[in-house]
């Protein structure tokens, strides 16, 4: 287990964006020098966005508008307030991580606009390899990090299941293999000082059980189950973790190929903003896309099942925008409707 600086891992900020940029450069909260990813007068369109979009920190934000509908053990938000250039409302906790000094992912920003919410993640520099060295008594991937948000509420399994739905443009070809959305369910109400696997957002909740699913642009979905310190099950098209029944995880059938859509760099995110539904049970993990069952692992053996602590505890559901960026670039993630135990 690698120890991650608590001061960096728990940094909490709110943010937003719009196509109109400001007239001057933005200065990071820690020194990195001049860089195109922070220069709002001469910067490229974020990957995953269309011109004339600029990074989110290049605009002035309005207060967030609360559009969430809360239940006893449920949460739904269509983000349909009509807000423009808005922060996320205070009904959400936003964690802008970025990992200063050790990661080229050094600035992130959440914002809401036009009926959905987005996240910009900035990186710079050449790849140095994962966990290439130790800094301040912890090791960390030098180009790896991102940001997360979650409803400011607790949830529990109900009738043996927890259901999480979210709309997100995961099939953005411009992401390649270096940016992906991630759904994380854990007992931790914030990132912890302990990192178990920083390549994924799920790995920054060390000391707590976690189940998380990554949604990469190649549509090879993968879910991982963690106990307090290690990965106990890796579920994908190539790894069944001993499940009695395992199916899917890749666009290898016409139905799955059509369900999880893709879009080219010249297409708007609406073209591939799909609805993902994650159903968690003690011995099963099921992922559906636009109503099509995309991946299912059922009948997991004892060692690979969800930890009992997850099943009986209050939980937090995070939506992570994660990246491994080796170039000076900004990546934009497009999210939409959220529903937990709908």
C-alpha atoms as a PDB file:
ATOM      1  CA  UNK A   1       0.000   0.000   0.000  1.00  0.00           C
ATOM      2  CA  UNK A   2       1.300   3.469  -0.884  1.00  0.00           C
ATOM      3  CA  UNK A   3       0.606   6.417   1.419  1.00  0.00           C
ATOM      4  CA  UNK A   4      -0.826   9.439  -0.388  1.00  0.00           C
ATOM      5  CA  UNK A   5      -0.537  12.898   1.172  1.00  0.00           C
ATOM      6  CA  UNK A   6      -3.793  13.617   2.968  1.00  0.00           C
ATOM      7  CA  UNK A   7      -3.513  17.322   2.218  1.00  0.00           C
ATOM      8  CA  UNK A   8      -3.498  16.605  -1.515  1.00  0.00           C
ATOM      9  CA  UNK A   9      -6.042  13.791  -1.560  1.00  0.00           C
ATOM     10  CA  UNK A  10      -8.683  15.705   0.385  1.00  0.00           C
ATOM     11  CA  UNK A  11      -8.502  19.004  -1.524  1.00  0.00           C
ATOM     12  CA  UNK A  12     -12.103  20.116  -2.039  1.00  0.00           C
ATOM     13  CA  UNK A  13     -13.060  22.797  -4.580  1.00  0.00           C
ATOM     14  CA  UNK A  14     -16.080  23.670  -6.712  1.00  0.00           C
ATOM     15  CA  UNK A  15     -15.852  24.785 -10.365  1.00  0.00           C
ATOM     16  CA  UNK A  16     -17.498  25.490 -13.767  1.00  0.00           C
ATOM     17  CA  UNK A  17     -17.204  26.513 -17.515  1.00  0.00           C
ATOM     18  CA  UNK A  18     -18.636  27.820 -20.796  1.00  0.00           C
ATOM     19  CA  UNK A  19     -17.544  28.412 -24.383  1.00  0.00           C
ATOM     20  CA  UNK A  20     -16.625  32.052 -23.642  1.00  0.00           C
ATOM     21  CA  UNK A  21     -13.103  32.495 -22.294  1.00  0.00           C
ATOM     22  CA  UNK A  22     -11.639  35.183 -20.086  1.00  0.00           C
ATOM     23  CA  UNK A  23      -9.097  37.705 -21.380  1.00  0.00           C
ATOM     24  CA  UNK A  24      -6.113  36.688 -19.286  1.00  0.00           C
ATOM     25  CA  UNK A  25      -4.177  33.697 -17.969  1.00  0.00           C
ATOM     26  CA  UNK A  26      -5.286  31.724 -14.934  1.00  0.00           C
ATOM     27  CA  UNK A  27      -2.731  31.027 -12.221  1.00  0.00           C
ATOM     28  CA  UNK A  28      -2.732  27.597 -10.605  1.00  0.00           C
ATOM     29  CA  UNK A  29      -2.945  27.276  -6.831  1.00  0.00           C
ATOM     30  CA  UNK A  30       0.655  26.019  -6.859  1.00  0.00           C
ATOM     31  CA  UNK A  31       3.513  27.015  -9.138  1.00  0.00           C
ATOM     32  CA  UNK A  32       3.870  25.233 -12.480  1.00  0.00           C
ATOM     33  CA  UNK A  33       4.976  28.081 -14.716  1.00  0.00           C
ATOM     34  CA  UNK A  34       3.391  29.140 -17.992  1.00  0.00           C
ATOM     35  CA  UNK A  35       1.594  26.368 -19.848  1.00  0.00           C
ATOM     36  CA  UNK A  36      -1.001  26.123 -22.606  1.00  0.00           C
ATOM     37  CA  UNK A  37      -3.305  24.159 -20.345  1.00  0.00           C
ATOM     38  CA  UNK A  38      -3.657  27.185 -18.051  1.00  0.00           C
ATOM     39  CA  UNK A  39      -3.368  30.002 -20.608  1.00  0.00           C
ATOM     40  CA  UNK A  40      -6.855  31.185 -21.518  1.00  0.00           C
ATOM     41  CA  UNK A  41      -5.733  33.513 -24.314  1.00  0.00           C
ATOM     42  CA  UNK A  42      -4.118  30.812 -26.439  1.00  0.00           C
ATOM     43  CA  UNK A  43      -5.253  27.308 -25.590  1.00  0.00           C
ATOM     44  CA  UNK A  44      -6.537  24.352 -27.563  1.00  0.00           C
ATOM     45  CA  UNK A  45     -10.099  23.093 -27.361  1.00  0.00           C
ATOM     46  CA  UNK A  46     -10.339  20.420 -24.652  1.00  0.00           C
ATOM     47  CA  UNK A  47     -10.335  16.850 -25.915  1.00  0.00           C
ATOM     48  CA  UNK A  48     -13.939  15.690 -25.962  1.00  0.00           C
ATOM     49  CA  UNK A  49     -15.279  19.197 -26.654  1.00  0.00           C
ATOM     50  CA  UNK A  50     -15.974  21.197 -29.808  1.00  0.00           C
ATOM     51  CA  UNK A  51     -14.722  24.697 -30.688  1.00  0.00           C
ATOM     52  CA  UNK A  52     -15.012  27.373 -29.406  1.00  0.00           C
ATOM     53  CA  UNK A  53     -14.923  25.621 -26.014  1.00  0.00           C
ATOM     54  CA  UNK A  54     -12.139  26.650 -23.630  1.00  0.00           C
ATOM     55  CA  UNK A  55     -11.039  25.118 -20.311  1.00  0.00           C
ATOM     56  CA  UNK A  56     -13.488  25.560 -17.466  1.00  0.00           C
ATOM     57  CA  UNK A  57     -11.195  27.771 -15.393  1.00  0.00           C
ATOM     58  CA  UNK A  58     -11.329  30.399 -18.140  1.00  0.00           C
ATOM     59  CA  UNK A  59     -14.847  31.612 -17.296  1.00  0.00           C
ATOM     60  CA  UNK A  60     -16.775  33.313 -14.530  1.00  0.00           C
ATOM     61  CA  UNK A  61     -19.221  31.016 -12.773  1.00  0.00           C
ATOM     62  CA  UNK A  62     -22.692  31.573 -11.402  1.00  0.00           C
ATOM     63  CA  UNK A  63     -23.952  29.848  -8.236  1.00  0.00           C
ATOM     64  CA  UNK A  64     -25.128  26.283  -8.633  1.00  0.00           C
ATOM     65  CA  UNK A  65     -28.827  25.437  -8.890  1.00  0.00           C
ATOM     66  CA  UNK A  66     -30.146  22.509  -6.871  1.00  0.00           C
ATOM     67  CA  UNK A  67     -32.266  20.214  -9.068  1.00  0.00           C
ATOM     68  CA  UNK A  68     -31.841  16.954  -7.119  1.00  0.00           C
ATOM     69  CA  UNK A  69     -34.846  14.937  -5.946  1.00  0.00           C
ATOM     70  CA  UNK A  70     -34.099  13.139  -2.688  1.00  0.00           C
ATOM     71  CA  UNK A  71     -35.799  10.063  -1.271  1.00  0.00           C
ATOM     72  CA  UNK A  72     -35.322   8.098   1.934  1.00  0.00           C
ATOM     73  CA  UNK A  73     -32.656   5.969   0.249  1.00  0.00           C
ATOM     74  CA  UNK A  74     -32.613   7.383  -3.258  1.00  0.00           C
ATOM     75  CA  UNK A  75     -31.410  10.298  -5.352  1.00  0.00           C
ATOM     76  CA  UNK A  76     -32.344  11.509  -8.831  1.00  0.00           C
ATOM     77  CA  UNK A  77     -31.064  14.555 -10.692  1.00  0.00           C
ATOM     78  CA  UNK A  78     -31.775  15.412 -14.319  1.00  0.00           C
ATOM     79  CA  UNK A  79     -29.680  18.611 -14.123  1.00  0.00           C
ATOM     80  CA  UNK A  80     -32.499  20.315 -16.002  1.00  0.00           C
ATOM     81  CA  UNK A  81     -32.377  23.695 -14.287  1.00  0.00           C
ATOM     82  CA  UNK A  82     -31.198  25.508 -17.420  1.00  0.00           C
ATOM     83  CA  UNK A  83     -28.110  26.762 -15.600  1.00  0.00           C
ATOM     84  CA  UNK A  84     -25.333  28.216 -17.744  1.00  0.00           C
ATOM     85  CA  UNK A  85     -21.710  28.592 -16.616  1.00  0.00           C
ATOM     86  CA  UNK A  86     -22.749  27.324 -13.187  1.00  0.00           C
ATOM     87  CA  UNK A  87     -21.013  25.632 -10.338  1.00  0.00           C
ATOM     88  CA  UNK A  88     -22.438  22.351  -9.170  1.00  0.00           C
ATOM     89  CA  UNK A  89     -24.952  22.977  -6.426  1.00  0.00           C
ATOM     90  CA  UNK A  90     -24.087  22.531  -2.770  1.00  0.00           C
ATOM     91  CA  UNK A  91     -26.105  19.303  -2.773  1.00  0.00           C
ATOM     92  CA  UNK A  92     -22.913  17.732  -4.166  1.00  0.00           C
ATOM     93  CA  UNK A  93     -19.461  17.355  -2.711  1.00  0.00           C
ATOM     94  CA  UNK A  94     -16.785  17.988  -5.312  1.00  0.00           C
ATOM     95  CA  UNK A  95     -13.215  16.740  -4.959  1.00  0.00           C
ATOM     96  CA  UNK A  96     -10.727  18.399  -7.290  1.00  0.00           C
ATOM     97  CA  UNK A  97      -7.665  16.220  -6.732  1.00  0.00           C
ATOM     98  CA  UNK A  98      -4.971  16.933  -9.312  1.00  0.00           C
ATOM     99  CA  UNK A  99      -2.133  15.848  -7.002  1.00  0.00           C
ATOM    100  CA  UNK A 100       0.177  18.873  -7.103  1.00  0.00           C
ATOM    101  CA  UNK A 101       3.936  18.467  -7.531  1.00  0.00           C
ATOM    102  CA  UNK A 102       3.868  14.747  -8.425  1.00  0.00           C
ATOM    103  CA  UNK A 103       1.308  14.494 -11.220  1.00  0.00           C
ATOM    104  CA  UNK A 104       0.903  16.211 -14.555  1.00  0.00           C
ATOM    105  CA  UNK A 105      -2.802  16.096 -13.822  1.00  0.00           C
ATOM    106  CA  UNK A 106      -2.619  19.305 -11.867  1.00  0.00           C
ATOM    107  CA  UNK A 107      -5.902  21.136 -12.423  1.00  0.00           C
ATOM    108  CA  UNK A 108      -9.523  19.997 -12.591  1.00  0.00           C
ATOM    109  CA  UNK A 109     -12.873  21.771 -12.661  1.00  0.00           C
ATOM    110  CA  UNK A 110     -16.521  20.675 -12.468  1.00  0.00           C
ATOM    111  CA  UNK A 111     -19.307  22.777 -13.977  1.00  0.00           C
ATOM    112  CA  UNK A 112     -22.939  22.549 -15.085  1.00  0.00           C
ATOM    113  CA  UNK A 113     -24.441  23.840 -18.317  1.00  0.00           C
ATOM    114  CA  UNK A 114     -27.179  23.095 -20.830  1.00  0.00           C
ATOM    115  CA  UNK A 115     -28.809  20.271 -18.918  1.00  0.00           C
ATOM    116  CA  UNK A 116     -25.716  18.274 -17.978  1.00  0.00           C
ATOM    117  CA  UNK A 117     -22.492  18.586 -16.010  1.00  0.00           C
ATOM    118  CA  UNK A 118     -18.899  18.379 -17.126  1.00  0.00           C
ATOM    119  CA  UNK A 119     -15.367  18.084 -15.801  1.00  0.00           C
ATOM    120  CA  UNK A 120     -12.144  19.439 -17.293  1.00  0.00           C
ATOM    121  CA  UNK A 121      -8.882  17.694 -16.366  1.00  0.00           C
ATOM    122  CA  UNK A 122      -5.535  19.287 -17.271  1.00  0.00           C
ATOM    123  CA  UNK A 123      -2.232  17.483 -17.695  1.00  0.00           C
ATOM    124  CA  UNK A 124       1.192  18.280 -19.082  1.00  0.00           C
ATOM    125  CA  UNK A 125       4.566  16.662 -19.609  1.00  0.00           C
ATOM    126  CA  UNK A 126       5.987  13.446 -21.033  1.00  0.00           C
ATOM    127  CA  UNK A 127       5.105  10.059 -19.515  1.00  0.00           C
ATOM    128  CA  UNK A 128       7.528   8.914 -16.858  1.00  0.00           C
ATOM    129  CA  UNK A 129       5.947   5.539 -16.140  1.00  0.00           C
ATOM    130  CA  UNK A 130       3.537   4.443 -13.445  1.00  0.00           C
ATOM    131  CA  UNK A 131       4.921   4.714  -9.927  1.00  0.00           C
ATOM    132  CA  UNK A 132       8.278   5.815 -11.313  1.00  0.00           C
ATOM    133  CA  UNK A 133       9.618   7.057  -8.022  1.00  0.00           C
ATOM    134  CA  UNK A 134       8.971   8.098  -4.464  1.00  0.00           C
ATOM    135  CA  UNK A 135       8.326  11.704  -3.451  1.00  0.00           C
ATOM    136  CA  UNK A 136       7.722  12.868   0.098  1.00  0.00           C
ATOM    137  CA  UNK A 137       7.510   9.262   1.315  1.00  0.00           C
ATOM    138  CA  UNK A 138       4.851   8.151  -1.171  1.00  0.00           C
ATOM    139  CA  UNK A 139       4.871   6.781  -4.675  1.00  0.00           C
ATOM    140  CA  UNK A 140       2.452   7.967  -7.310  1.00  0.00           C
ATOM    141  CA  UNK A 141       1.844   7.745 -11.041  1.00  0.00           C
ATOM    142  CA  UNK A 142       3.323  11.020 -12.378  1.00  0.00           C
ATOM    143  CA  UNK A 143       0.645  11.635 -15.040  1.00  0.00           C
ATOM    144  CA  UNK A 144      -2.325  10.043 -13.352  1.00  0.00           C
ATOM    145  CA  UNK A 145      -5.239  11.592 -11.490  1.00  0.00           C
ATOM    146  CA  UNK A 146      -8.516  13.416 -11.838  1.00  0.00           C
ATOM    147  CA  UNK A 147     -11.550  14.648  -9.948  1.00  0.00           C
ATOM    148  CA  UNK A 148     -14.689  13.245  -8.354  1.00  0.00           C
ATOM    149  CA  UNK A 149     -18.108  14.346  -7.190  1.00  0.00           C
ATOM    150  CA  UNK A 150     -20.813  12.649  -5.160  1.00  0.00           C
ATOM    151  CA  UNK A 151     -24.262  13.457  -3.794  1.00  0.00           C
ATOM    152  CA  UNK A 152     -24.035  14.859  -0.296  1.00  0.00           C
ATOM    153  CA  UNK A 153     -26.018  11.927   1.050  1.00  0.00           C
ATOM    154  CA  UNK A 154     -25.615   8.367   2.286  1.00  0.00           C
ATOM    155  CA  UNK A 155     -27.143   5.285   0.698  1.00  0.00           C
ATOM    156  CA  UNK A 156     -27.619   1.640   1.631  1.00  0.00           C
ATOM    157  CA  UNK A 157     -28.302  -1.646  -0.079  1.00  0.00           C
ATOM    158  CA  UNK A 158     -32.032  -2.269  -0.335  1.00  0.00           C
ATOM    159  CA  UNK A 159     -33.467  -5.773  -0.733  1.00  0.00           C
ATOM    160  CA  UNK A 160     -29.932  -6.984  -1.293  1.00  0.00           C
ATOM    161  CA  UNK A 161     -29.134  -4.573  -4.133  1.00  0.00           C
ATOM    162  CA  UNK A 162     -27.685  -1.140  -4.777  1.00  0.00           C
ATOM    163  CA  UNK A 163     -28.538   0.439  -8.134  1.00  0.00           C
ATOM    164  CA  UNK A 164     -26.583   3.322  -9.679  1.00  0.00           C
ATOM    165  CA  UNK A 165     -27.553   4.954 -12.967  1.00  0.00           C
ATOM    166  CA  UNK A 166     -25.677   7.729 -14.744  1.00  0.00           C
ATOM    167  CA  UNK A 167     -25.563   9.273 -18.202  1.00  0.00           C
ATOM    168  CA  UNK A 168     -22.022   9.793 -19.449  1.00  0.00           C
ATOM    169  CA  UNK A 169     -20.235  10.068 -22.803  1.00  0.00           C
ATOM    170  CA  UNK A 170     -17.782   7.224 -22.257  1.00  0.00           C
ATOM    171  CA  UNK A 171     -17.279   6.282 -25.902  1.00  0.00           C
ATOM    172  CA  UNK A 172     -15.382   9.427 -26.912  1.00  0.00           C
ATOM    173  CA  UNK A 173     -12.761   8.337 -29.454  1.00  0.00           C
ATOM    174  CA  UNK A 174     -10.614  11.329 -28.544  1.00  0.00           C
ATOM    175  CA  UNK A 175     -10.041   9.835 -25.070  1.00  0.00           C
ATOM    176  CA  UNK A 176      -8.105   6.900 -26.471  1.00  0.00           C
ATOM    177  CA  UNK A 177      -6.825   4.817 -23.582  1.00  0.00           C
ATOM    178  CA  UNK A 178      -5.841   7.781 -21.417  1.00  0.00           C
ATOM    179  CA  UNK A 179      -9.139   9.119 -20.036  1.00  0.00           C
ATOM    180  CA  UNK A 180     -12.195   7.354 -18.655  1.00  0.00           C
ATOM    181  CA  UNK A 181     -15.231   7.861 -16.393  1.00  0.00           C
ATOM    182  CA  UNK A 182     -15.499   5.700 -13.295  1.00  0.00           C
ATOM    183  CA  UNK A 183     -18.341   4.837 -10.881  1.00  0.00           C
ATOM    184  CA  UNK A 184     -17.139   4.259  -7.319  1.00  0.00           C
ATOM    185  CA  UNK A 185     -19.147   2.933  -4.344  1.00  0.00           C
ATOM    186  CA  UNK A 186     -17.453   2.913  -0.947  1.00  0.00           C
ATOM    187  CA  UNK A 187     -17.957   3.445   2.782  1.00  0.00           C
ATOM    188  CA  UNK A 188     -15.516   6.392   2.710  1.00  0.00           C
ATOM    189  CA  UNK A 189     -17.107   9.853   2.784  1.00  0.00           C
ATOM    190  CA  UNK A 190     -13.946  11.359   1.235  1.00  0.00           C
ATOM    191  CA  UNK A 191     -10.611  10.210  -0.246  1.00  0.00           C
ATOM    192  CA  UNK A 192      -8.297   8.914   2.444  1.00  0.00           C
ATOM    193  CA  UNK A 193      -4.554   9.343   3.170  1.00  0.00           C
ATOM    194  CA  UNK A 194      -3.977   5.786   1.946  1.00  0.00           C
ATOM    195  CA  UNK A 195      -3.693   4.825  -1.710  1.00  0.00           C
ATOM    196  CA  UNK A 196      -4.189   1.200  -2.721  1.00  0.00           C
ATOM    197  CA  UNK A 197      -4.102   1.627  -6.525  1.00  0.00           C
ATOM    198  CA  UNK A 198      -3.843   5.204  -7.764  1.00  0.00           C
ATOM    199  CA  UNK A 199      -4.171   4.231 -11.413  1.00  0.00           C
ATOM    200  CA  UNK A 200      -7.934   4.198 -10.761  1.00  0.00           C
ATOM    201  CA  UNK A 201     -10.101   6.580  -8.778  1.00  0.00           C
ATOM    202  CA  UNK A 202     -11.176   3.568  -6.715  1.00  0.00           C
ATOM    203  CA  UNK A 203      -7.651   3.308  -5.324  1.00  0.00           C
ATOM    204  CA  UNK A 204      -7.701   6.542  -3.312  1.00  0.00           C
ATOM    205  CA  UNK A 205     -10.063   5.216  -0.632  1.00  0.00           C
ATOM    206  CA  UNK A 206      -7.590   2.932   1.127  1.00  0.00           C
ATOM    207  CA  UNK A 207      -8.785   1.547   4.443  1.00  0.00           C
ATOM    208  CA  UNK A 208     -12.345   1.196   3.126  1.00  0.00           C
ATOM    209  CA  UNK A 209     -14.098  -1.462   1.040  1.00  0.00           C
ATOM    210  CA  UNK A 210     -14.791  -0.322  -2.525  1.00  0.00           C
ATOM    211  CA  UNK A 211     -16.501  -1.586  -5.660  1.00  0.00           C
ATOM    212  CA  UNK A 212     -15.895   0.427  -8.819  1.00  0.00           C
ATOM    213  CA  UNK A 213     -16.418   0.178 -12.565  1.00  0.00           C
ATOM    214  CA  UNK A 214     -14.368   1.927 -15.236  1.00  0.00           C
ATOM    215  CA  UNK A 215     -15.978   2.855 -18.551  1.00  0.00           C
ATOM    216  CA  UNK A 216     -13.134   3.228 -21.073  1.00  0.00           C
ATOM    217  CA  UNK A 217     -13.518   4.527 -24.617  1.00  0.00           C
ATOM    218  CA  UNK A 218     -12.664   1.116 -26.110  1.00  0.00           C
ATOM    219  CA  UNK A 219     -15.850  -0.180 -24.414  1.00  0.00           C
ATOM    220  CA  UNK A 220     -13.985  -2.930 -22.568  1.00  0.00           C
ATOM    221  CA  UNK A 221     -15.744  -2.400 -19.251  1.00  0.00           C
ATOM    222  CA  UNK A 222     -14.067  -3.529 -16.058  1.00  0.00           C
ATOM    223  CA  UNK A 223     -15.127  -3.604 -12.432  1.00  0.00           C
ATOM    224  CA  UNK A 224     -13.011  -4.167  -9.347  1.00  0.00           C
ATOM    225  CA  UNK A 225     -13.864  -5.125  -5.802  1.00  0.00           C
ATOM    226  CA  UNK A 226     -11.536  -4.022  -2.999  1.00  0.00           C
ATOM    227  CA  UNK A 227     -11.348  -4.973   0.632  1.00  0.00           C
ATOM    228  CA  UNK A 228      -9.720  -2.399   2.881  1.00  0.00           C
ATOM    229  CA  UNK A 229      -6.315  -2.776   1.235  1.00  0.00           C
ATOM    230  CA  UNK A 230      -6.276  -4.957  -1.889  1.00  0.00           C
ATOM    231  CA  UNK A 231      -8.225  -5.841  -5.017  1.00  0.00           C
ATOM    232  CA  UNK A 232     -10.112  -9.071  -4.330  1.00  0.00           C
ATOM    233  CA  UNK A 233     -11.849  -9.395  -7.715  1.00  0.00           C
ATOM    234  CA  UNK A 234     -11.273  -8.041 -11.222  1.00  0.00           C
ATOM    235  CA  UNK A 235     -14.311  -8.442 -13.474  1.00  0.00           C
ATOM    236  CA  UNK A 236     -14.096  -7.918 -17.226  1.00  0.00           C
ATOM    237  CA  UNK A 237     -14.501  -9.715 -20.545  1.00  0.00           C
ATOM    238  CA  UNK A 238     -11.180 -11.416 -19.813  1.00  0.00           C
ATOM    239  CA  UNK A 239     -11.484 -11.983 -16.073  1.00  0.00           C
ATOM    240  CA  UNK A 240     -14.371 -13.793 -14.370  1.00  0.00           C
ATOM    241  CA  UNK A 241     -12.868 -13.992 -10.850  1.00  0.00           C
ATOM    242  CA  UNK A 242     -14.315 -17.514 -10.553  1.00  0.00           C
ATOM    243  CA  UNK A 243     -17.930 -16.441 -11.109  1.00  0.00           C
ATOM    244  CA  UNK A 244     -20.397 -19.250 -11.808  1.00  0.00           C
ATOM    245  CA  UNK A 245     -21.796 -17.150 -14.671  1.00  0.00           C
ATOM    246  CA  UNK A 246     -19.859 -14.515 -16.607  1.00  0.00           C
ATOM    247  CA  UNK A 247     -20.914 -12.824 -19.810  1.00  0.00           C
ATOM    248  CA  UNK A 248     -20.135  -9.712 -21.821  1.00  0.00           C
ATOM    249  CA  UNK A 249     -17.841  -6.819 -21.103  1.00  0.00           C
ATOM    250  CA  UNK A 250     -16.996  -6.032 -24.737  1.00  0.00           C
ATOM    251  CA  UNK A 251     -18.915  -4.921 -27.868  1.00  0.00           C
ATOM    252  CA  UNK A 252     -18.728  -8.414 -29.363  1.00  0.00           C
ATOM    253  CA  UNK A 253     -22.430  -8.836 -30.183  1.00  0.00           C
ATOM    254  CA  UNK A 254     -24.614  -6.585 -32.361  1.00  0.00           C
ATOM    255  CA  UNK A 255     -26.762  -5.647 -29.361  1.00  0.00           C
ATOM    256  CA  UNK A 256     -23.861  -4.627 -27.144  1.00  0.00           C
ATOM    257  CA  UNK A 257     -22.098  -2.858 -29.998  1.00  0.00           C
ATOM    258  CA  UNK A 258     -25.189  -0.764 -30.738  1.00  0.00           C
ATOM    259  CA  UNK A 259     -25.991  -0.067 -27.077  1.00  0.00           C
ATOM    260  CA  UNK A 260     -22.676   1.512 -26.075  1.00  0.00           C
ATOM    261  CA  UNK A 261     -22.196   4.169 -28.721  1.00  0.00           C
ATOM    262  CA  UNK A 262     -19.065   5.963 -29.847  1.00  0.00           C
ATOM    263  CA  UNK A 263     -18.447   9.424 -31.259  1.00  0.00           C
ATOM    264  CA  UNK A 264     -15.586  10.929 -33.243  1.00  0.00           C
ATOM    265  CA  UNK A 265     -13.712  14.099 -32.207  1.00  0.00           C
ATOM    266  CA  UNK A 266     -15.920  16.111 -34.599  1.00  0.00           C
ATOM    267  CA  UNK A 267     -19.200  14.874 -33.077  1.00  0.00           C
ATOM    268  CA  UNK A 268     -20.974  16.404 -30.090  1.00  0.00           C
ATOM    269  CA  UNK A 269     -21.028  14.452 -26.851  1.00  0.00           C
ATOM    270  CA  UNK A 270     -24.798  13.905 -27.163  1.00  0.00           C
ATOM    271  CA  UNK A 271     -23.954  11.339 -29.839  1.00  0.00           C
ATOM    272  CA  UNK A 272     -22.495   8.988 -27.239  1.00  0.00           C
ATOM    273  CA  UNK A 273     -23.870  10.152 -23.897  1.00  0.00           C
ATOM    274  CA  UNK A 274     -25.293   6.784 -22.871  1.00  0.00           C
ATOM    275  CA  UNK A 275     -27.198   5.622 -19.783  1.00  0.00           C
ATOM    276  CA  UNK A 276     -25.216   3.168 -17.676  1.00  0.00           C
ATOM    277  CA  UNK A 277     -26.918   1.124 -14.960  1.00  0.00           C
ATOM    278  CA  UNK A 278     -24.806  -0.655 -12.359  1.00  0.00           C
ATOM    279  CA  UNK A 279     -26.509  -3.222 -10.100  1.00  0.00           C
ATOM    280  CA  UNK A 280     -24.507  -4.502  -7.145  1.00  0.00           C
ATOM    281  CA  UNK A 281     -25.398  -7.606  -5.146  1.00  0.00           C
ATOM    282  CA  UNK A 282     -23.436  -9.672  -2.648  1.00  0.00           C
ATOM    283  CA  UNK A 283     -22.260 -12.170  -5.253  1.00  0.00           C
ATOM    284  CA  UNK A 284     -23.043 -10.343  -8.509  1.00  0.00           C
ATOM    285  CA  UNK A 285     -22.131  -7.236 -10.505  1.00  0.00           C
ATOM    286  CA  UNK A 286     -24.241  -6.312 -13.536  1.00  0.00           C
ATOM    287  CA  UNK A 287     -23.659  -3.420 -15.950  1.00  0.00           C
ATOM    288  CA  UNK A 288     -26.273  -2.388 -18.522  1.00  0.00           C
ATOM    289  CA  UNK A 289     -26.035   0.281 -21.222  1.00  0.00           C
ATOM    290  CA  UNK A 290     -29.170   1.923 -22.608  1.00  0.00           C
ATOM    291  CA  UNK A 291     -31.238  -1.001 -21.354  1.00  0.00           C
ATOM    292  CA  UNK A 292     -28.975  -3.701 -22.825  1.00  0.00           C
ATOM    293  CA  UNK A 293     -27.198  -6.017 -20.390  1.00  0.00           C
ATOM    294  CA  UNK A 294     -23.571  -5.354 -21.257  1.00  0.00           C
ATOM    295  CA  UNK A 295     -21.639  -7.313 -18.606  1.00  0.00           C
ATOM    296  CA  UNK A 296     -22.695  -9.664 -15.834  1.00  0.00           C
ATOM    297  CA  UNK A 297     -20.737 -11.687 -13.300  1.00  0.00           C
ATOM    298  CA  UNK A 298     -22.959 -13.761 -11.010  1.00  0.00           C
ATOM    299  CA  UNK A 299     -22.238 -16.437  -8.437  1.00  0.00           C
ATOM    300  CA  UNK A 300     -18.923 -14.972  -7.323  1.00  0.00           C
ATOM    301  CA  UNK A 301     -16.958 -17.223  -4.962  1.00  0.00           C
ATOM    302  CA  UNK A 302     -16.633 -16.214  -1.331  1.00  0.00           C
ATOM    303  CA  UNK A 303     -13.235 -14.552  -1.738  1.00  0.00           C
ATOM    304  CA  UNK A 304     -14.452 -12.396  -4.652  1.00  0.00           C
ATOM    305  CA  UNK A 305     -17.825 -11.291  -3.264  1.00  0.00           C
ATOM    306  CA  UNK A 306     -18.641  -7.780  -2.127  1.00  0.00           C
ATOM    307  CA  UNK A 307     -17.325  -7.267   1.406  1.00  0.00           C
ATOM    308  CA  UNK A 308     -20.008  -7.642   4.069  1.00  0.00           C
ATOM    309  CA  UNK A 309     -19.167  -4.158   5.291  1.00  0.00           C
ATOM    310  CA  UNK A 310     -20.460  -2.700   2.020  1.00  0.00           C
ATOM    311  CA  UNK A 311     -23.719  -4.595   2.328  1.00  0.00           C
ATOM    312  CA  UNK A 312     -24.521  -3.447   5.855  1.00  0.00           C
ATOM    313  CA  UNK A 313     -23.043   0.077   5.989  1.00  0.00           C
ATOM    314  CA  UNK A 314     -23.910   3.554   4.848  1.00  0.00           C
ATOM    315  CA  UNK A 315     -22.362   4.149   1.424  1.00  0.00           C
ATOM    316  CA  UNK A 316     -21.248   7.004  -0.811  1.00  0.00           C
ATOM    317  CA  UNK A 317     -21.493   6.984  -4.594  1.00  0.00           C
ATOM    318  CA  UNK A 318     -18.794   8.865  -6.534  1.00  0.00           C
ATOM    319  CA  UNK A 319     -18.605   9.784 -10.204  1.00  0.00           C
ATOM    320  CA  UNK A 320     -14.943  10.105 -11.169  1.00  0.00           C
ATOM    321  CA  UNK A 321     -13.298  11.702 -14.214  1.00  0.00           C
ATOM    322  CA  UNK A 322      -9.893  10.019 -14.343  1.00  0.00           C
ATOM    323  CA  UNK A 323      -6.970  10.260 -16.742  1.00  0.00           C
ATOM    324  CA  UNK A 324      -3.395   9.345 -17.526  1.00  0.00           C
ATOM    325  CA  UNK A 325      -2.111  12.309 -19.523  1.00  0.00           C
ATOM    326  CA  UNK A 326       1.381  12.391 -20.972  1.00  0.00           C
ATOM    327  CA  UNK A 327       0.913  15.539 -23.056  1.00  0.00           C
ATOM    328  CA  UNK A 328      -0.024  19.152 -22.286  1.00  0.00           C
ATOM    329  CA  UNK A 329      -3.751  18.733 -22.758  1.00  0.00           C
ATOM    330  CA  UNK A 330      -7.155  19.299 -21.226  1.00  0.00           C
ATOM    331  CA  UNK A 331      -9.737  16.502 -21.362  1.00  0.00           C
ATOM    332  CA  UNK A 332     -13.450  17.242 -20.971  1.00  0.00           C
ATOM    333  CA  UNK A 333     -15.825  14.668 -19.498  1.00  0.00           C
ATOM    334  CA  UNK A 334     -19.569  14.927 -20.182  1.00  0.00           C
ATOM    335  CA  UNK A 335     -21.991  13.605 -17.561  1.00  0.00           C
ATOM    336  CA  UNK A 336     -25.759  13.873 -17.185  1.00  0.00           C
ATOM    337  CA  UNK A 337     -28.624  12.349 -15.244  1.00  0.00           C
ATOM    338  CA  UNK A 338     -27.832  10.605 -11.955  1.00  0.00           C
ATOM    339  CA  UNK A 339     -30.136   8.117 -10.218  1.00  0.00           C
ATOM    340  CA  UNK A 340     -29.284   6.050  -7.136  1.00  0.00           C
ATOM    341  CA  UNK A 341     -31.782   3.380  -6.058  1.00  0.00           C
ATOM    342  CA  UNK A 342     -34.295   4.829  -8.563  1.00  0.00           C
END
